[in-house]
Amino acid sequence: MTAVLMLDVPENRPIVAVAADVDTVTVDRVGPYFKVSAPGPIVIDRRATGCRHAVWYSSVAGLLNSRITQWDKDAMRLEER
């Protein structure tokens, strides 16, 4: 299972919303965080989120059994470790 934690703040909500649009992605709450998880890779298109670079590059609070294999101006890709 691939999973990432993102702090529940208004700036991160568009990122979580774009991720949640994928059928295999589940979004749960863990304390003050969103837990975005999927049985396979998670890919989030930055432009679809409308996030500026500063928000984009500060959105990840933690990884659960996952690693970031892409995190650039185009997308974030997370895969199971």
PDB file of N, CA and C in Angstrom:
ATOM      1  N   MET A   1       0.842  -1.180   0.000  1.00  0.00           N
ATOM      2  CA  MET A   1       0.000   0.000   0.000  1.00  0.00           C
ATOM      3  C   MET A   1       0.886   1.243   0.000  1.00  0.00           C
ATOM      4  N   THR A   2       0.631   2.133  -0.907  1.00  0.00           N
ATOM      5  CA  THR A   2       1.326   3.414  -0.997  1.00  0.00           C
ATOM      6  C   THR A   2       0.520   4.438  -0.210  1.00  0.00           C
ATOM      7  N   ALA A   3       1.182   5.237   0.635  1.00  0.00           N
ATOM      8  CA  ALA A   3       0.452   6.238   1.414  1.00  0.00           C
ATOM      9  C   ALA A   3       1.333   7.443   1.718  1.00  0.00           C
ATOM     10  N   VAL A   4       0.693   8.608   1.697  1.00  0.00           N
ATOM     11  CA  VAL A   4       1.367   9.858   2.008  1.00  0.00           C
ATOM     12  C   VAL A   4       0.473  10.646   2.966  1.00  0.00           C
ATOM     13  N   LEU A   5       1.101  11.366   3.884  1.00  0.00           N
ATOM     14  CA  LEU A   5       0.374  12.233   4.806  1.00  0.00           C
ATOM     15  C   LEU A   5       0.565  13.678   4.384  1.00  0.00           C
ATOM     16  N   MET A   6      -0.536  14.436   4.406  1.00  0.00           N
ATOM     17  CA  MET A   6      -0.505  15.864   4.091  1.00  0.00           C
ATOM     18  C   MET A   6      -1.308  16.586   5.159  1.00  0.00           C
ATOM     19  N   LEU A   7      -0.741  17.649   5.688  1.00  0.00           N
ATOM     20  CA  LEU A   7      -1.423  18.426   6.719  1.00  0.00           C
ATOM     21  C   LEU A   7      -2.727  18.981   6.161  1.00  0.00           C
ATOM     22  N   ASP A   8      -3.788  18.909   6.966  1.00  0.00           N
ATOM     23  CA  ASP A   8      -5.085  19.438   6.551  1.00  0.00           C
ATOM     24  C   ASP A   8      -5.097  20.951   6.743  1.00  0.00           C
ATOM     25  N   VAL A   9      -4.631  21.639   5.720  1.00  0.00           N
ATOM     26  CA  VAL A   9      -4.682  23.106   5.661  1.00  0.00           C
ATOM     27  C   VAL A   9      -5.279  23.466   4.311  1.00  0.00           C
ATOM     28  N   PRO A  10      -5.896  24.637   4.191  1.00  0.00           N
ATOM     29  CA  PRO A  10      -6.540  25.007   2.926  1.00  0.00           C
ATOM     30  C   PRO A  10      -5.638  24.888   1.699  1.00  0.00           C
ATOM     31  N   GLU A  11      -4.360  25.184   1.857  1.00  0.00           N
ATOM     32  CA  GLU A  11      -3.442  25.150   0.719  1.00  0.00           C
ATOM     33  C   GLU A  11      -3.268  23.739   0.157  1.00  0.00           C
ATOM     34  N   ASN A  12      -3.356  22.716   1.010  1.00  0.00           N
ATOM     35  CA  ASN A  12      -3.152  21.336   0.557  1.00  0.00           C
ATOM     36  C   ASN A  12      -4.424  20.661   0.059  1.00  0.00           C
ATOM     37  N   ARG A  13      -5.570  21.214   0.333  1.00  0.00           N
ATOM     38  CA  ARG A  13      -6.831  20.565  -0.042  1.00  0.00           C
ATOM     39  C   ARG A  13      -6.978  20.336  -1.545  1.00  0.00           C
ATOM     40  N   PRO A  14      -6.540  21.244  -2.428  1.00  0.00           N
ATOM     41  CA  PRO A  14      -6.638  20.948  -3.862  1.00  0.00           C
ATOM     42  C   PRO A  14      -5.786  19.745  -4.274  1.00  0.00           C
ATOM     43  N   ILE A  15      -4.663  19.543  -3.636  1.00  0.00           N
ATOM     44  CA  ILE A  15      -3.803  18.394  -3.952  1.00  0.00           C
ATOM     45  C   ILE A  15      -4.522  17.105  -3.574  1.00  0.00           C
ATOM     46  N   VAL A  16      -5.087  17.095  -2.387  1.00  0.00           N
ATOM     47  CA  VAL A  16      -5.824  15.922  -1.916  1.00  0.00           C
ATOM     48  C   VAL A  16      -7.046  15.668  -2.799  1.00  0.00           C
ATOM     49  N   ALA A  17      -7.732  16.713  -3.201  1.00  0.00           N
ATOM     50  CA  ALA A  17      -8.918  16.562  -4.052  1.00  0.00           C
ATOM     51  C   ALA A  17      -8.569  15.941  -5.400  1.00  0.00           C
ATOM     52  N   VAL A  18      -7.473  16.371  -6.010  1.00  0.00           N
ATOM     53  CA  VAL A  18      -7.053  15.798  -7.302  1.00  0.00           C
ATOM     54  C   VAL A  18      -6.683  14.330  -7.122  1.00  0.00           C
ATOM     55  N   ALA A  19      -5.975  14.013  -6.060  1.00  0.00           N
ATOM     56  CA  ALA A  19      -5.611  12.615  -5.794  1.00  0.00           C
ATOM     57  C   ALA A  19      -6.868  11.771  -5.586  1.00  0.00           C
ATOM     58  N   ALA A  20      -7.844  12.296  -4.857  1.00  0.00           N
ATOM     59  CA  ALA A  20      -9.066  11.554  -4.531  1.00  0.00           C
ATOM     60  C   ALA A  20      -9.932  11.271  -5.752  1.00  0.00           C
ATOM     61  N   ASP A  21      -9.728  11.997  -6.845  1.00  0.00           N
ATOM     62  CA  ASP A  21     -10.505  11.765  -8.067  1.00  0.00           C
ATOM     63  C   ASP A  21     -10.168  10.440  -8.748  1.00  0.00           C
ATOM     64  N   VAL A  22      -9.051   9.830  -8.366  1.00  0.00           N
ATOM     65  CA  VAL A  22      -8.647   8.541  -8.951  1.00  0.00           C
ATOM     66  C   VAL A  22      -9.374   7.429  -8.197  1.00  0.00           C
ATOM     67  N   ASP A  23      -9.978   6.501  -8.925  1.00  0.00           N
ATOM     68  CA  ASP A  23     -10.788   5.441  -8.319  1.00  0.00           C
ATOM     69  C   ASP A  23     -10.055   4.608  -7.284  1.00  0.00           C
ATOM     70  N   THR A  24      -8.774   4.367  -7.471  1.00  0.00           N
ATOM     71  CA  THR A  24      -8.030   3.492  -6.566  1.00  0.00           C
ATOM     72  C   THR A  24      -7.502   4.210  -5.324  1.00  0.00           C
ATOM     73  N   VAL A  25      -7.629   5.523  -5.284  1.00  0.00           N
ATOM     74  CA  VAL A  25      -7.092   6.307  -4.163  1.00  0.00           C
ATOM     75  C   VAL A  25      -8.154   6.492  -3.081  1.00  0.00           C
ATOM     76  N   THR A  26      -7.715   6.310  -1.840  1.00  0.00           N
ATOM     77  CA  THR A  26      -8.566   6.520  -0.674  1.00  0.00           C
ATOM     78  C   THR A  26      -7.985   7.658   0.153  1.00  0.00           C
ATOM     79  N   VAL A  27      -8.860   8.515   0.657  1.00  0.00           N
ATOM     80  CA  VAL A  27      -8.423   9.608   1.530  1.00  0.00           C
ATOM     81  C   VAL A  27      -9.093   9.423   2.890  1.00  0.00           C
ATOM     82  N   ASP A  28      -8.262   9.334   3.927  1.00  0.00           N
ATOM     83  CA  ASP A  28      -8.735   9.201   5.301  1.00  0.00           C
ATOM     84  C   ASP A  28      -8.141  10.331   6.127  1.00  0.00           C
ATOM     85  N   ARG A  29      -8.585  10.421   7.370  1.00  0.00           N
ATOM     86  CA  ARG A  29      -8.025  11.403   8.302  1.00  0.00           C
ATOM     87  C   ARG A  29      -7.229  10.665   9.370  1.00  0.00           C
ATOM     88  N   VAL A  30      -6.045  11.172   9.672  1.00  0.00           N
ATOM     89  CA  VAL A  30      -5.206  10.679  10.765  1.00  0.00           C
ATOM     90  C   VAL A  30      -4.784  11.914  11.545  1.00  0.00           C
ATOM     91  N   GLY A  31      -5.469  12.179  12.653  1.00  0.00           N
ATOM     92  CA  GLY A  31      -5.196  13.402  13.411  1.00  0.00           C
ATOM     93  C   GLY A  31      -5.397  14.611  12.515  1.00  0.00           C
ATOM     94  N   PRO A  32      -4.420  15.525  12.474  1.00  0.00           N
ATOM     95  CA  PRO A  32      -4.560  16.729  11.654  1.00  0.00           C
ATOM     96  C   PRO A  32      -4.117  16.533  10.198  1.00  0.00           C
ATOM     97  N   TYR A  33      -3.977  15.288   9.769  1.00  0.00           N
ATOM     98  CA  TYR A  33      -3.465  14.990   8.429  1.00  0.00           C
ATOM     99  C   TYR A  33      -4.490  14.279   7.561  1.00  0.00           C
ATOM    100  N   PHE A  34      -4.346  14.477   6.251  1.00  0.00           N
ATOM    101  CA  PHE A  34      -5.011  13.629   5.281  1.00  0.00           C
ATOM    102  C   PHE A  34      -4.063  12.468   5.008  1.00  0.00           C
ATOM    103  N   LYS A  35      -4.581  11.268   4.967  1.00  0.00           N
ATOM    104  CA  LYS A  35      -3.797  10.105   4.553  1.00  0.00           C
ATOM    105  C   LYS A  35      -4.320   9.705   3.179  1.00  0.00           C
ATOM    106  N   VAL A  36      -3.494   9.895   2.168  1.00  0.00           N
ATOM    107  CA  VAL A  36      -3.835   9.565   0.783  1.00  0.00           C
ATOM    108  C   VAL A  36      -3.158   8.237   0.477  1.00  0.00           C
ATOM    109  N   SER A  37      -3.938   7.206   0.151  1.00  0.00           N
ATOM    110  CA  SER A  37      -3.351   5.889  -0.056  1.00  0.00           C
ATOM    111  C   SER A  37      -3.977   5.188  -1.256  1.00  0.00           C
ATOM    112  N   ALA A  38      -3.239   4.199  -1.762  1.00  0.00           N
ATOM    113  CA  ALA A  38      -3.688   3.403  -2.903  1.00  0.00           C
ATOM    114  C   ALA A  38      -2.923   2.084  -2.910  1.00  0.00           C
ATOM    115  N   PRO A  39      -3.486   1.049  -3.524  1.00  0.00           N
ATOM    116  CA  PRO A  39      -2.793  -0.235  -3.594  1.00  0.00           C
ATOM    117  C   PRO A  39      -1.605  -0.231  -4.555  1.00  0.00           C
ATOM    118  N   GLY A  40      -1.496   0.777  -5.373  1.00  0.00           N
ATOM    119  CA  GLY A  40      -0.389   0.906  -6.319  1.00  0.00           C
ATOM    120  C   GLY A  40       0.151   2.313  -6.286  1.00  0.00           C
ATOM    121  N   PRO A  41       0.812   2.735  -7.346  1.00  0.00           N
ATOM    122  CA  PRO A  41       1.362   4.093  -7.396  1.00  0.00           C
ATOM    123  C   PRO A  41       0.277   5.174  -7.302  1.00  0.00           C
ATOM    124  N   ILE A  42       0.667   6.306  -6.770  1.00  0.00           N
ATOM    125  CA  ILE A  42      -0.200   7.492  -6.732  1.00  0.00           C
ATOM    126  C   ILE A  42       0.492   8.554  -7.569  1.00  0.00           C
ATOM    127  N   VAL A  43      -0.228   9.103  -8.535  1.00  0.00           N
ATOM    128  CA  VAL A  43       0.318  10.163  -9.385  1.00  0.00           C
ATOM    129  C   VAL A  43      -0.625  11.357  -9.297  1.00  0.00           C
ATOM    130  N   ILE A  44      -0.066  12.519  -8.948  1.00  0.00           N
ATOM    131  CA  ILE A  44      -0.856  13.746  -8.831  1.00  0.00           C
ATOM    132  C   ILE A  44      -0.260  14.782  -9.773  1.00  0.00           C
ATOM    133  N   ASP A  45      -1.086  15.287 -10.676  1.00  0.00           N
ATOM    134  CA  ASP A  45      -0.665  16.295 -11.643  1.00  0.00           C
ATOM    135  C   ASP A  45      -0.699  17.666 -10.972  1.00  0.00           C
ATOM    136  N   ARG A  46       0.423  18.345 -10.898  1.00  0.00           N
ATOM    137  CA  ARG A  46       0.477  19.639 -10.215  1.00  0.00           C
ATOM    138  C   ARG A  46      -0.430  20.670 -10.861  1.00  0.00           C
ATOM    139  N   ARG A  47      -0.453  20.734 -12.153  1.00  0.00           N
ATOM    140  CA  ARG A  47      -1.260  21.760 -12.825  1.00  0.00           C
ATOM    141  C   ARG A  47      -2.752  21.567 -12.541  1.00  0.00           C
ATOM    142  N   ALA A  48      -3.179  20.321 -12.403  1.00  0.00           N
ATOM    143  CA  ALA A  48      -4.586  20.043 -12.093  1.00  0.00           C
ATOM    144  C   ALA A  48      -4.957  20.553 -10.704  1.00  0.00           C
ATOM    145  N   THR A  49      -3.972  20.645  -9.813  1.00  0.00           N
ATOM    146  CA  THR A  49      -4.245  21.121  -8.457  1.00  0.00           C
ATOM    147  C   THR A  49      -4.351  22.638  -8.384  1.00  0.00           C
ATOM    148  N   GLY A  50      -3.731  23.320  -9.330  1.00  0.00           N
ATOM    149  CA  GLY A  50      -3.703  24.776  -9.292  1.00  0.00           C
ATOM    150  C   GLY A  50      -2.749  25.337  -8.250  1.00  0.00           C
ATOM    151  N   CYS A  51      -1.939  24.478  -7.651  1.00  0.00           N
ATOM    152  CA  CYS A  51      -1.005  24.907  -6.594  1.00  0.00           C
ATOM    153  C   CYS A  51       0.222  25.592  -7.175  1.00  0.00           C
ATOM    154  N   ARG A  52       0.655  26.596  -6.467  1.00  0.00           N
ATOM    155  CA  ARG A  52       1.912  27.251  -6.814  1.00  0.00           C
ATOM    156  C   ARG A  52       3.051  26.376  -6.298  1.00  0.00           C
ATOM    157  N   HIS A  53       4.236  26.618  -6.817  1.00  0.00           N
ATOM    158  CA  HIS A  53       5.383  25.771  -6.495  1.00  0.00           C
ATOM    159  C   HIS A  53       5.684  25.693  -4.995  1.00  0.00           C
ATOM    160  N   ALA A  54       5.601  26.801  -4.284  1.00  0.00           N
ATOM    161  CA  ALA A  54       5.925  26.797  -2.850  1.00  0.00           C
ATOM    162  C   ALA A  54       5.012  25.853  -2.075  1.00  0.00           C
ATOM    163  N   VAL A  55       3.734  25.844  -2.388  1.00  0.00           N
ATOM    164  CA  VAL A  55       2.788  24.940  -1.726  1.00  0.00           C
ATOM    165  C   VAL A  55       3.061  23.506  -2.153  1.00  0.00           C
ATOM    166  N   TRP A  56       3.265  23.310  -3.437  1.00  0.00           N
ATOM    167  CA  TRP A  56       3.503  21.979  -3.995  1.00  0.00           C
ATOM    168  C   TRP A  56       4.680  21.291  -3.307  1.00  0.00           C
ATOM    169  N   TYR A  57       5.784  21.995  -3.198  1.00  0.00           N
ATOM    170  CA  TYR A  57       6.998  21.390  -2.648  1.00  0.00           C
ATOM    171  C   TYR A  57       7.010  21.322  -1.120  1.00  0.00           C
ATOM    172  N   SER A  58       5.990  21.842  -0.465  1.00  0.00           N
ATOM    173  CA  SER A  58       5.928  21.747   0.992  1.00  0.00           C
ATOM    174  C   SER A  58       4.719  20.932   1.459  1.00  0.00           C
ATOM    175  N   SER A  59       4.059  20.244   0.559  1.00  0.00           N
ATOM    176  CA  SER A  59       2.803  19.562   0.886  1.00  0.00           C
ATOM    177  C   SER A  59       2.968  18.229   1.612  1.00  0.00           C
ATOM    178  N   VAL A  60       4.069  17.536   1.420  1.00  0.00           N
ATOM    179  CA  VAL A  60       4.241  16.205   2.016  1.00  0.00           C
ATOM    180  C   VAL A  60       4.712  16.336   3.465  1.00  0.00           C
ATOM    181  N   ALA A  61       3.920  15.736   4.376  1.00  0.00           N
ATOM    182  CA  ALA A  61       4.292  15.740   5.791  1.00  0.00           C
ATOM    183  C   ALA A  61       4.950  14.425   6.191  1.00  0.00           C
ATOM    184  N   GLY A  62       4.632  13.351   5.475  1.00  0.00           N
ATOM    185  CA  GLY A  62       5.228  12.064   5.808  1.00  0.00           C
ATOM    186  C   GLY A  62       4.850  10.997   4.807  1.00  0.00           C
ATOM    187  N   LEU A  63       5.644   9.943   4.772  1.00  0.00           N
ATOM    188  CA  LEU A  63       5.410   8.813   3.883  1.00  0.00           C
ATOM    189  C   LEU A  63       5.223   7.551   4.722  1.00  0.00           C
ATOM    190  N   LEU A  64       4.302   6.698   4.304  1.00  0.00           N
ATOM    191  CA  LEU A  64       4.055   5.431   4.983  1.00  0.00           C
ATOM    192  C   LEU A  64       4.325   4.298   4.003  1.00  0.00           C
ATOM    193  N   ASN A  65       5.411   3.579   4.208  1.00  0.00           N
ATOM    194  CA  ASN A  65       5.802   2.467   3.343  1.00  0.00           C
ATOM    195  C   ASN A  65       5.867   2.898   1.880  1.00  0.00           C
ATOM    196  N   SER A  66       6.297   4.114   1.629  1.00  0.00           N
ATOM    197  CA  SER A  66       6.299   4.673   0.287  1.00  0.00           C
ATOM    198  C   SER A  66       7.575   5.452   0.027  1.00  0.00           C
ATOM    199  N   ARG A  67       7.796   5.733  -1.246  1.00  0.00           N
ATOM    200  CA  ARG A  67       8.908   6.603  -1.629  1.00  0.00           C
ATOM    201  C   ARG A  67       8.439   7.490  -2.773  1.00  0.00           C
ATOM    202  N   ILE A  68       9.018   8.667  -2.847  1.00  0.00           N
ATOM    203  CA  ILE A  68       8.700   9.601  -3.927  1.00  0.00           C
ATOM    204  C   ILE A  68       9.648   9.304  -5.074  1.00  0.00           C
ATOM    205  N   THR A  69       9.095   8.954  -6.232  1.00  0.00           N
ATOM    206  CA  THR A  69       9.925   8.661  -7.400  1.00  0.00           C
ATOM    207  C   THR A  69       9.908   9.800  -8.408  1.00  0.00           C
ATOM    208  N   GLN A  70       8.991  10.726  -8.248  1.00  0.00           N
ATOM    209  CA  GLN A  70       8.955  11.946  -9.069  1.00  0.00           C
ATOM    210  C   GLN A  70       8.299  13.033  -8.233  1.00  0.00           C
ATOM    211  N   TRP A  71       8.912  14.201  -8.208  1.00  0.00           N
ATOM    212  CA  TRP A  71       8.315  15.359  -7.537  1.00  0.00           C
ATOM    213  C   TRP A  71       8.928  16.579  -8.178  1.00  0.00           C
ATOM    214  N   ASP A  72       8.316  16.987  -9.278  1.00  0.00           N
ATOM    215  CA  ASP A  72       8.828  18.133 -10.017  1.00  0.00           C
ATOM    216  C   ASP A  72       7.682  19.074 -10.354  1.00  0.00           C
ATOM    217  N   LYS A  73       7.926  20.008 -11.234  1.00  0.00           N
ATOM    218  CA  LYS A  73       6.912  21.009 -11.560  1.00  0.00           C
ATOM    219  C   LYS A  73       5.699  20.418 -12.266  1.00  0.00           C
ATOM    220  N   ASP A  74       5.803  19.171 -12.732  1.00  0.00           N
ATOM    221  CA  ASP A  74       4.705  18.543 -13.460  1.00  0.00           C
ATOM    222  C   ASP A  74       3.854  17.611 -12.608  1.00  0.00           C
ATOM    223  N   ALA A  75       4.495  16.792 -11.790  1.00  0.00           N
ATOM    224  CA  ALA A  75       3.740  15.764 -11.063  1.00  0.00           C
ATOM    225  C   ALA A  75       4.482  15.272  -9.831  1.00  0.00           C
ATOM    226  N   MET A  76       3.706  14.623  -8.972  1.00  0.00           N
ATOM    227  CA  MET A  76       4.247  13.880  -7.842  1.00  0.00           C
ATOM    228  C   MET A  76       3.856  12.424  -8.059  1.00  0.00           C
ATOM    229  N   ARG A  77       4.841  11.544  -8.001  1.00  0.00           N
ATOM    230  CA  ARG A  77       4.585  10.110  -8.144  1.00  0.00           C
ATOM    231  C   ARG A  77       5.130   9.410  -6.898  1.00  0.00           C
ATOM    232  N   LEU A  78       4.261   8.657  -6.264  1.00  0.00           N
ATOM    233  CA  LEU A  78       4.636   7.899  -5.074  1.00  0.00           C
ATOM    234  C   LEU A  78       4.452   6.424  -5.367  1.00  0.00           C
ATOM    235  N   GLU A  79       5.401   5.621  -4.884  1.00  0.00           N
ATOM    236  CA  GLU A  79       5.326   4.186  -5.096  1.00  0.00           C
ATOM    237  C   GLU A  79       5.614   3.471  -3.787  1.00  0.00           C
ATOM    238  N   GLU A  80       5.116   2.246  -3.702  1.00  0.00           N
ATOM    239  CA  GLU A  80       5.347   1.448  -2.514  1.00  0.00           C
ATOM    240  C   GLU A  80       6.833   1.135  -2.393  1.00  0.00           C
ATOM    241  N   ARG A  81       7.324   1.196  -1.180  1.00  0.00           N
ATOM    242  CA  ARG A  81       8.739   0.923  -0.939  1.00  0.00           C
ATOM    243  C   ARG A  81       8.962  -0.553  -0.789  1.00  0.00           C
TER     244      ARG A  81
END
